Amino acid sequence: MQTATLSAFGELTDWQSMLDRHAELFTEMLPGSAVGFVPRAGSGIQPGKHVAGLMNAGGEGEMLAWEVGDGMRASLRRYSGFQDAKVDLLFVAEDGAIEAMRNALQGDTLSIIKRQIRQGGIMFYVMRTKYELQDAGYEDFLDNLGLAFLGACR
């Protein structure tokens, strides 16, 4: 279900405009590739929880999804936890990080996301293997965010 406004994330049309400006980062990504952003408060992640328990962590709320179809498209999805997220990468953001991203939508939002990851305002979860991400064409996107997940050895 798409709506014009996302309560935590601002205007969906602003996110789409930002994605359109950065379309070159997504050209190698296969249709169906998707990333999601969820507010930390609704993520189901408890402080100090062991990583192995994350897949069973419930959650509730909204998720801003970027999915490749006819280009990268922004949409709003219901979020009910890691198991049902149906994204390749999941970014869990503190309220301040979401506000910083929203405020930068007319500028370089991806630099703000990169900075927030480095500062700990956004946690980054990989839901696919390195090889699945590589095959799906994530290299340019991850490199742009400064995430050396794919590494130099291929």
N, C-alpha and C. Protein backbone atom coordinates (compact mmCIF):
# COMPACT_ATOMS: atom_id res chain seq x y z
N MET A 1 0.83 -1.17 0.00
CA MET A 1 0.00 0.00 0.00
C MET A 1 0.88 1.24 0.00
N GLN A 2 0.70 2.12 -0.95
CA GLN A 2 1.46 3.35 -1.00
C GLN A 2 0.58 4.51 -0.60
N THR A 3 1.19 5.42 0.14
CA THR A 3 0.51 6.65 0.49
C THR A 3 1.47 7.80 0.21
N ALA A 4 0.94 9.00 0.17
CA ALA A 4 1.78 10.16 -0.13
C ALA A 4 2.66 10.52 1.07
N THR A 5 2.22 10.24 2.28
CA THR A 5 2.96 10.66 3.45
C THR A 5 3.31 9.47 4.34
N LEU A 6 4.54 9.47 4.82
CA LEU A 6 5.00 8.50 5.79
C LEU A 6 5.16 9.23 7.11
N SER A 7 4.55 8.76 8.16
CA SER A 7 4.58 9.52 9.40
C SER A 7 5.98 9.75 9.93
N ALA A 8 6.84 8.75 9.95
CA ALA A 8 8.20 8.94 10.47
C ALA A 8 9.16 9.45 9.40
N PHE A 9 8.92 9.12 8.15
CA PHE A 9 9.89 9.38 7.10
C PHE A 9 9.60 10.61 6.25
N GLY A 10 8.47 11.26 6.43
CA GLY A 10 8.15 12.45 5.64
C GLY A 10 7.39 12.07 4.38
N GLU A 11 7.59 12.85 3.35
CA GLU A 11 6.85 12.68 2.10
C GLU A 11 7.48 11.61 1.21
N LEU A 12 6.69 10.66 0.81
CA LEU A 12 7.15 9.60 -0.07
C LEU A 12 7.66 10.16 -1.40
N THR A 13 7.01 11.18 -1.91
CA THR A 13 7.44 11.79 -3.17
C THR A 13 8.85 12.38 -3.06
N ASP A 14 9.22 12.91 -1.89
CA ASP A 14 10.57 13.43 -1.69
C ASP A 14 11.60 12.31 -1.74
N TRP A 15 11.27 11.16 -1.15
CA TRP A 15 12.16 10.00 -1.20
C TRP A 15 12.32 9.52 -2.64
N GLN A 16 11.22 9.51 -3.37
CA GLN A 16 11.29 9.06 -4.77
C GLN A 16 12.15 10.00 -5.59
N SER A 17 12.03 11.29 -5.38
CA SER A 17 12.86 12.27 -6.10
C SER A 17 14.33 12.05 -5.79
N MET A 18 14.65 11.76 -4.53
CA MET A 18 16.04 11.49 -4.16
C MET A 18 16.54 10.23 -4.85
N LEU A 19 15.73 9.18 -4.87
CA LEU A 19 16.13 7.94 -5.54
C LEU A 19 16.34 8.18 -7.03
N ASP A 20 15.48 8.96 -7.64
CA ASP A 20 15.61 9.27 -9.07
C ASP A 20 16.91 10.03 -9.35
N ARG A 21 17.31 10.93 -8.45
CA ARG A 21 18.56 11.67 -8.64
C ARG A 21 19.78 10.76 -8.56
N HIS A 22 19.67 9.66 -7.84
CA HIS A 22 20.78 8.72 -7.67
C HIS A 22 20.56 7.42 -8.45
N ALA A 23 19.78 7.48 -9.49
CA ALA A 23 19.39 6.29 -10.25
C ALA A 23 20.59 5.47 -10.73
N GLU A 24 21.71 6.12 -11.03
CA GLU A 24 22.88 5.40 -11.53
C GLU A 24 23.41 4.37 -10.53
N LEU A 25 23.17 4.58 -9.24
CA LEU A 25 23.63 3.62 -8.23
C LEU A 25 22.86 2.31 -8.26
N PHE A 26 21.70 2.34 -8.86
CA PHE A 26 20.81 1.18 -8.82
C PHE A 26 20.68 0.46 -10.15
N THR A 27 21.37 0.93 -11.18
CA THR A 27 21.18 0.37 -12.52
C THR A 27 21.64 -1.08 -12.63
N GLU A 28 22.61 -1.49 -11.84
CA GLU A 28 23.10 -2.87 -11.89
C GLU A 28 22.29 -3.82 -11.01
N MET A 29 21.39 -3.28 -10.20
CA MET A 29 20.62 -4.11 -9.27
C MET A 29 19.48 -4.81 -10.00
N LEU A 30 19.28 -6.06 -9.65
CA LEU A 30 18.25 -6.87 -10.29
C LEU A 30 16.86 -6.51 -9.78
N PRO A 31 15.82 -6.65 -10.64
CA PRO A 31 14.45 -6.42 -10.19
C PRO A 31 14.14 -7.29 -8.96
N GLY A 32 13.46 -6.69 -8.02
CA GLY A 32 13.13 -7.38 -6.77
C GLY A 32 14.11 -7.10 -5.66
N SER A 33 15.30 -6.56 -5.99
CA SER A 33 16.25 -6.18 -4.96
C SER A 33 15.62 -5.08 -4.11
N ALA A 34 15.77 -5.18 -2.80
CA ALA A 34 15.11 -4.22 -1.93
C ALA A 34 15.89 -3.97 -0.65
N VAL A 35 15.83 -2.72 -0.19
CA VAL A 35 16.37 -2.35 1.10
C VAL A 35 15.25 -1.70 1.89
N GLY A 36 15.36 -1.78 3.21
CA GLY A 36 14.33 -1.20 4.05
C GLY A 36 14.92 -0.38 5.17
N PHE A 37 14.18 0.62 5.60
CA PHE A 37 14.53 1.47 6.73
C PHE A 37 13.39 1.39 7.73
N VAL A 38 13.72 1.08 8.97
CA VAL A 38 12.71 1.04 10.02
C VAL A 38 13.18 1.89 11.20
N PRO A 39 12.24 2.53 11.89
CA PRO A 39 12.61 3.26 13.10
C PRO A 39 13.06 2.27 14.18
N ARG A 40 14.07 2.62 14.91
CA ARG A 40 14.59 1.76 15.97
C ARG A 40 13.49 1.38 16.96
N ALA A 41 12.62 2.33 17.28
CA ALA A 41 11.58 2.08 18.28
C ALA A 41 10.63 0.95 17.88
N GLY A 42 10.38 0.76 16.60
CA GLY A 42 9.47 -0.28 16.16
C GLY A 42 10.16 -1.51 15.61
N SER A 43 11.49 -1.58 15.77
CA SER A 43 12.27 -2.64 15.14
C SER A 43 12.19 -3.98 15.88
N GLY A 44 11.85 -3.96 17.15
CA GLY A 44 11.84 -5.19 17.94
C GLY A 44 13.20 -5.53 18.50
N ILE A 45 14.20 -4.71 18.25
CA ILE A 45 15.55 -4.96 18.76
C ILE A 45 15.65 -4.42 20.17
N GLN A 46 16.04 -5.28 21.08
CA GLN A 46 16.22 -4.89 22.46
C GLN A 46 17.70 -4.63 22.72
N PRO A 47 18.03 -3.57 23.45
CA PRO A 47 19.45 -3.30 23.75
C PRO A 47 20.09 -4.52 24.42
N GLY A 48 21.27 -4.87 23.95
CA GLY A 48 22.01 -5.98 24.54
C GLY A 48 21.57 -7.35 24.06
N LYS A 49 20.61 -7.41 23.17
CA LYS A 49 20.12 -8.70 22.69
C LYS A 49 21.17 -9.36 21.80
N HIS A 50 21.37 -10.64 21.97
CA HIS A 50 22.35 -11.38 21.19
C HIS A 50 21.92 -11.41 19.72
N VAL A 51 22.89 -11.30 18.82
CA VAL A 51 22.62 -11.25 17.38
C VAL A 51 21.78 -12.45 16.93
N ALA A 52 22.01 -13.63 17.49
CA ALA A 52 21.27 -14.82 17.07
C ALA A 52 19.78 -14.67 17.33
N GLY A 53 19.40 -13.84 18.28
CA GLY A 53 17.98 -13.65 18.59
C GLY A 53 17.28 -12.64 17.70
N LEU A 54 18.02 -11.95 16.85
CA LEU A 54 17.42 -10.90 16.03
C LEU A 54 16.39 -11.43 15.05
N MET A 55 16.66 -12.60 14.47
CA MET A 55 15.73 -13.13 13.48
C MET A 55 14.36 -13.44 14.10
N ASN A 56 14.33 -13.66 15.39
CA ASN A 56 13.06 -13.93 16.07
C ASN A 56 12.47 -12.68 16.70
N ALA A 57 13.18 -11.57 16.62
CA ALA A 57 12.69 -10.34 17.22
C ALA A 57 11.47 -9.85 16.45
N GLY A 58 10.42 -9.61 17.16
CA GLY A 58 9.23 -9.05 16.52
C GLY A 58 9.42 -7.56 16.33
N GLY A 59 8.52 -6.96 15.69
CA GLY A 59 8.56 -5.52 15.47
C GLY A 59 7.18 -5.08 15.04
N GLU A 60 6.98 -3.80 15.06
CA GLU A 60 5.68 -3.30 14.66
C GLU A 60 5.81 -1.88 14.17
N GLY A 61 5.22 -1.61 13.04
CA GLY A 61 5.24 -0.25 12.53
C GLY A 61 5.40 -0.20 11.04
N GLU A 62 6.07 0.86 10.60
CA GLU A 62 6.23 1.09 9.18
C GLU A 62 7.67 0.87 8.76
N MET A 63 7.82 0.57 7.48
CA MET A 63 9.15 0.42 6.89
C MET A 63 9.15 1.18 5.57
N LEU A 64 10.15 2.03 5.41
CA LEU A 64 10.38 2.68 4.13
C LEU A 64 11.18 1.70 3.30
N ALA A 65 10.63 1.25 2.18
CA ALA A 65 11.31 0.28 1.32
C ALA A 65 11.71 0.94 0.02
N TRP A 66 12.90 0.59 -0.44
CA TRP A 66 13.37 0.96 -1.77
C TRP A 66 13.49 -0.35 -2.52
N GLU A 67 12.71 -0.51 -3.59
CA GLU A 67 12.71 -1.76 -4.34
C GLU A 67 12.89 -1.52 -5.82
N VAL A 68 13.73 -2.35 -6.43
CA VAL A 68 13.98 -2.24 -7.87
C VAL A 68 12.84 -2.89 -8.64
N GLY A 69 12.25 -2.14 -9.51
CA GLY A 69 11.24 -2.62 -10.45
C GLY A 69 11.56 -1.91 -11.75
N ASP A 70 10.78 -0.92 -12.07
CA ASP A 70 11.09 0.00 -13.17
C ASP A 70 11.90 1.13 -12.55
N GLY A 71 13.17 0.88 -12.28
CA GLY A 71 14.00 1.79 -11.50
C GLY A 71 13.80 1.51 -10.02
N MET A 72 14.48 2.26 -9.19
CA MET A 72 14.33 2.10 -7.74
C MET A 72 13.11 2.89 -7.31
N ARG A 73 12.21 2.25 -6.59
CA ARG A 73 10.95 2.87 -6.18
C ARG A 73 10.82 2.86 -4.66
N ALA A 74 10.37 3.98 -4.11
CA ALA A 74 10.11 4.12 -2.68
C ALA A 74 8.67 3.74 -2.39
N SER A 75 8.48 3.01 -1.29
CA SER A 75 7.12 2.65 -0.88
C SER A 75 7.09 2.48 0.63
N LEU A 76 5.92 2.39 1.14
CA LEU A 76 5.71 2.15 2.57
C LEU A 76 5.18 0.74 2.73
N ARG A 77 5.79 0.00 3.64
CA ARG A 77 5.34 -1.35 3.95
C ARG A 77 5.10 -1.47 5.45
N ARG A 78 4.29 -2.41 5.80
CA ARG A 78 4.10 -2.76 7.21
C ARG A 78 5.32 -3.56 7.64
N TYR A 79 5.85 -3.25 8.81
CA TYR A 79 6.99 -3.97 9.35
C TYR A 79 6.54 -4.73 10.59
N SER A 80 6.80 -6.05 10.59
CA SER A 80 6.43 -6.86 11.76
C SER A 80 7.59 -7.71 12.26
N GLY A 81 8.80 -7.38 11.83
CA GLY A 81 9.98 -8.07 12.32
C GLY A 81 10.90 -8.51 11.20
N PHE A 82 12.10 -8.94 11.60
CA PHE A 82 13.13 -9.34 10.64
C PHE A 82 12.67 -10.45 9.71
N GLN A 83 12.00 -11.44 10.25
CA GLN A 83 11.59 -12.60 9.45
C GLN A 83 10.70 -12.23 8.28
N ASP A 84 9.87 -11.21 8.47
CA ASP A 84 8.90 -10.84 7.44
C ASP A 84 9.28 -9.59 6.66
N ALA A 85 10.49 -9.07 6.86
CA ALA A 85 10.88 -7.81 6.23
C ALA A 85 10.97 -7.91 4.71
N LYS A 86 11.39 -9.05 4.18
CA LYS A 86 11.50 -9.27 2.73
C LYS A 86 12.34 -8.19 2.04
N VAL A 87 13.50 -7.90 2.65
CA VAL A 87 14.48 -6.99 2.07
C VAL A 87 15.84 -7.66 2.13
N ASP A 88 16.75 -7.18 1.31
CA ASP A 88 18.11 -7.72 1.29
C ASP A 88 18.98 -7.05 2.34
N LEU A 89 18.73 -5.78 2.57
CA LEU A 89 19.46 -4.99 3.56
C LEU A 89 18.45 -4.27 4.42
N LEU A 90 18.68 -4.24 5.72
CA LEU A 90 17.76 -3.55 6.62
C LEU A 90 18.55 -2.53 7.43
N PHE A 91 18.09 -1.30 7.38
CA PHE A 91 18.69 -0.21 8.13
C PHE A 91 17.74 0.15 9.26
N VAL A 92 18.21 0.05 10.49
CA VAL A 92 17.41 0.37 11.67
C VAL A 92 17.92 1.70 12.20
N ALA A 93 17.07 2.71 12.16
CA ALA A 93 17.50 4.09 12.42
C ALA A 93 16.88 4.68 13.68
N GLU A 94 17.72 5.37 14.43
CA GLU A 94 17.26 6.15 15.58
C GLU A 94 16.44 7.33 15.04
N ASP A 95 15.60 7.91 15.89
CA ASP A 95 14.76 9.03 15.48
C ASP A 95 15.58 10.19 14.91
N GLY A 96 16.71 10.50 15.55
CA GLY A 96 17.56 11.59 15.06
C GLY A 96 18.13 11.33 13.68
N ALA A 97 18.45 10.07 13.41
CA ALA A 97 18.98 9.70 12.09
C ALA A 97 17.90 9.83 11.02
N ILE A 98 16.68 9.43 11.36
CA ILE A 98 15.57 9.57 10.40
C ILE A 98 15.32 11.05 10.11
N GLU A 99 15.37 11.86 11.14
CA GLU A 99 15.18 13.30 10.95
C GLU A 99 16.29 13.88 10.07
N ALA A 100 17.53 13.46 10.31
CA ALA A 100 18.65 13.95 9.50
C ALA A 100 18.48 13.54 8.03
N MET A 101 18.06 12.30 7.80
CA MET A 101 17.83 11.85 6.41
C MET A 101 16.71 12.66 5.77
N ARG A 102 15.63 12.81 6.49
CA ARG A 102 14.47 13.55 5.97
C ARG A 102 14.85 14.98 5.64
N ASN A 103 15.66 15.62 6.50
CA ASN A 103 16.08 17.00 6.27
C ASN A 103 17.03 17.14 5.09
N ALA A 104 17.67 16.04 4.68
CA ALA A 104 18.65 16.08 3.59
C ALA A 104 18.08 15.57 2.27
N LEU A 105 16.78 15.34 2.18
CA LEU A 105 16.22 14.76 0.97
C LEU A 105 16.43 15.61 -0.27
N GLN A 106 16.57 16.90 -0.12
CA GLN A 106 16.81 17.76 -1.28
C GLN A 106 18.30 17.87 -1.60
N GLY A 107 19.15 17.31 -0.72
CA GLY A 107 20.60 17.37 -0.91
C GLY A 107 21.17 15.98 -1.12
N ASP A 108 22.22 15.68 -0.39
CA ASP A 108 22.91 14.41 -0.54
C ASP A 108 22.54 13.47 0.60
N THR A 109 21.38 12.90 0.52
CA THR A 109 20.86 12.02 1.56
C THR A 109 21.76 10.82 1.78
N LEU A 110 22.36 10.28 0.74
CA LEU A 110 23.20 9.10 0.90
C LEU A 110 24.42 9.39 1.76
N SER A 111 24.97 10.61 1.68
CA SER A 111 26.08 10.99 2.56
C SER A 111 25.63 11.04 4.01
N ILE A 112 24.42 11.51 4.23
CA ILE A 112 23.87 11.55 5.58
C ILE A 112 23.68 10.13 6.12
N ILE A 113 23.18 9.23 5.27
CA ILE A 113 23.01 7.83 5.69
C ILE A 113 24.37 7.25 6.05
N LYS A 114 25.36 7.49 5.21
CA LYS A 114 26.73 7.00 5.46
C LYS A 114 27.24 7.53 6.80
N ARG A 115 27.06 8.83 7.04
CA ARG A 115 27.51 9.44 8.30
C ARG A 115 26.77 8.86 9.49
N GLN A 116 25.47 8.65 9.35
CA GLN A 116 24.69 8.10 10.46
C GLN A 116 25.09 6.66 10.79
N ILE A 117 25.46 5.89 9.78
CA ILE A 117 25.94 4.53 10.02
C ILE A 117 27.24 4.60 10.81
N ARG A 118 28.14 5.47 10.40
CA ARG A 118 29.44 5.60 11.08
C ARG A 118 29.27 6.08 12.52
N GLN A 119 28.30 6.97 12.76
CA GLN A 119 28.09 7.52 14.09
C GLN A 119 27.22 6.64 14.98
N GLY A 120 26.68 5.56 14.42
CA GLY A 120 25.85 4.66 15.21
C GLY A 120 24.38 5.01 15.26
N GLY A 121 23.96 6.00 14.49
CA GLY A 121 22.54 6.37 14.45
C GLY A 121 21.72 5.43 13.59
N ILE A 122 22.40 4.68 12.73
CA ILE A 122 21.75 3.68 11.88
C ILE A 122 22.52 2.38 12.02
N MET A 123 21.79 1.32 12.36
CA MET A 123 22.38 -0.02 12.38
C MET A 123 22.06 -0.66 11.03
N PHE A 124 22.98 -1.46 10.55
CA PHE A 124 22.90 -2.02 9.21
C PHE A 124 22.90 -3.54 9.32
N TYR A 125 21.86 -4.18 8.79
CA TYR A 125 21.73 -5.64 8.84
C TYR A 125 21.69 -6.20 7.42
N VAL A 126 22.51 -7.20 7.19
CA VAL A 126 22.59 -7.86 5.89
C VAL A 126 21.75 -9.12 5.96
N MET A 127 20.74 -9.20 5.12
CA MET A 127 19.79 -10.31 5.16
C MET A 127 20.08 -11.37 4.10
N ARG A 128 21.10 -11.14 3.27
CA ARG A 128 21.50 -12.07 2.21
C ARG A 128 22.99 -12.34 2.35
N THR A 129 23.46 -13.36 1.68
CA THR A 129 24.89 -13.64 1.71
C THR A 129 25.64 -12.65 0.83
N LYS A 130 26.93 -12.59 1.04
CA LYS A 130 27.80 -11.73 0.24
C LYS A 130 27.61 -12.03 -1.24
N TYR A 131 27.55 -13.31 -1.59
CA TYR A 131 27.44 -13.70 -3.00
C TYR A 131 26.07 -13.37 -3.58
N GLU A 132 25.03 -13.50 -2.78
CA GLU A 132 23.69 -13.12 -3.25
C GLU A 132 23.64 -11.61 -3.53
N LEU A 133 24.24 -10.82 -2.64
CA LEU A 133 24.26 -9.37 -2.85
C LEU A 133 25.09 -9.01 -4.08
N GLN A 134 26.20 -9.68 -4.23
CA GLN A 134 27.07 -9.44 -5.38
C GLN A 134 26.33 -9.78 -6.67
N ASP A 135 25.67 -10.93 -6.71
CA ASP A 135 24.92 -11.34 -7.90
C ASP A 135 23.75 -10.40 -8.19
N ALA A 136 23.18 -9.81 -7.15
CA ALA A 136 22.03 -8.91 -7.32
C ALA A 136 22.45 -7.50 -7.71
N GLY A 137 23.76 -7.21 -7.73
CA GLY A 137 24.24 -5.92 -8.20
C GLY A 137 24.33 -4.82 -7.16
N TYR A 138 24.57 -5.17 -5.91
CA TYR A 138 24.62 -4.19 -4.83
C TYR A 138 25.95 -3.45 -4.68
N GLU A 139 26.96 -3.82 -5.44
CA GLU A 139 28.30 -3.29 -5.21
C GLU A 139 28.38 -1.76 -5.21
N ASP A 140 27.86 -1.09 -6.23
CA ASP A 140 27.93 0.37 -6.30
C ASP A 140 27.19 1.03 -5.14
N PHE A 141 26.04 0.52 -4.82
CA PHE A 141 25.25 1.08 -3.72
C PHE A 141 26.01 0.96 -2.40
N LEU A 142 26.52 -0.22 -2.10
CA LEU A 142 27.25 -0.43 -0.85
C LEU A 142 28.54 0.38 -0.81
N ASP A 143 29.24 0.45 -1.92
CA ASP A 143 30.46 1.26 -1.98
C ASP A 143 30.15 2.73 -1.72
N ASN A 144 29.06 3.23 -2.28
CA ASN A 144 28.68 4.62 -2.09
C ASN A 144 28.40 4.94 -0.64
N LEU A 145 27.87 3.95 0.10
CA LEU A 145 27.60 4.16 1.52
C LEU A 145 28.84 3.91 2.38
N GLY A 146 29.96 3.58 1.74
CA GLY A 146 31.18 3.33 2.48
C GLY A 146 31.19 2.01 3.21
N LEU A 147 30.36 1.08 2.75
CA LEU A 147 30.26 -0.23 3.39
C LEU A 147 31.06 -1.22 2.55
N ALA A 148 32.19 -1.61 3.05
CA ALA A 148 33.08 -2.52 2.32
C ALA A 148 32.67 -3.96 2.55
N PHE A 149 31.39 -4.21 2.52
CA PHE A 149 30.87 -5.54 2.81
C PHE A 149 31.36 -6.59 1.80
N LEU A 150 31.43 -6.22 0.53
CA LEU A 150 31.82 -7.18 -0.48
C LEU A 150 33.32 -7.44 -0.49
N GLY A 151 34.10 -6.55 0.10
CA GLY A 151 35.53 -6.75 0.22
C GLY A 151 36.26 -6.64 -1.11
N ALA A 152 37.57 -6.71 -1.04
CA ALA A 152 38.39 -6.56 -2.23
C ALA A 152 38.61 -7.88 -2.96
N CYS A 153 38.45 -8.98 -2.27
CA CYS A 153 38.70 -10.30 -2.89
C CYS A 153 37.43 -10.83 -3.51
N ARG A 154 37.46 -11.04 -4.81
CA ARG A 154 36.29 -11.59 -5.50
C ARG A 154 36.72 -12.70 -6.39
